[in-house]
Amino acid sequence: PRAGRVSVIACDPGTPVSSGESILAIDGTGVVALATTVPGWRDLQVGDLGQDAGALNAELRRLGHEAPESDEVTQETLEAYRELARSVGAPAQASDSISAADILWLPDDEVVVADCPARLGDTLAAGDPVLTLLSASTARISPLPTDAIDGGRILSIGATQVPVDVDGHVASEHLAALLSSET
């Protein structure tokens, strides 16, 4: 949501982006990728209440930071966010709020990049796309052969090989490799 020049970007098609990472800086200020149940639509400050505040608190806790179990932004929320931002090289400003422009919203804990329309040095307008995501979040071989031997399997597509569990599911951590295969 922020306008400015892309000063850092670590984006490659087929690679995963995880919540709690920073892959982007605009005008030298890092942006933290966060997966919350709703996208943040406003700057948050101590005392703010709402679904967006609760979603931020929940994601900060999931990432191992001390944040309240409530729908209210507290001083603990601010401290947890600042700690996370510092830990991924995107230091947050010492202020009484969390800027919505400092958060890159992700729809899931880990997503796979389809395209990177923003490039290092580009000047972005507010709302310009930074990355687009692949829509697949799971992969499964179905139906499995009825005469298959019990146990795990390996799925080979071209030069890419990924493990498959006994039910035919590709583990999510291997999905990026599968989806980035040219084949």
Foldseek 3Di string as FASTA:
>chain_A
DDWAAWAFADDDALDKDFALAWGTDGPNATAGEHEFQDQDDFKAFFFDFDRNQQRLQVRLVVVPADGDNHRGDHVSSVVSVQVSCVVNVRHDDPDRIHGSVRYDYDNDRMFGFHDAPHDHGDTDDPPDDGTDTDPDQWDFDPPDDPPDDAFKDWDDDPNDIFIAGRRGITPRVCVSSVVPDPD
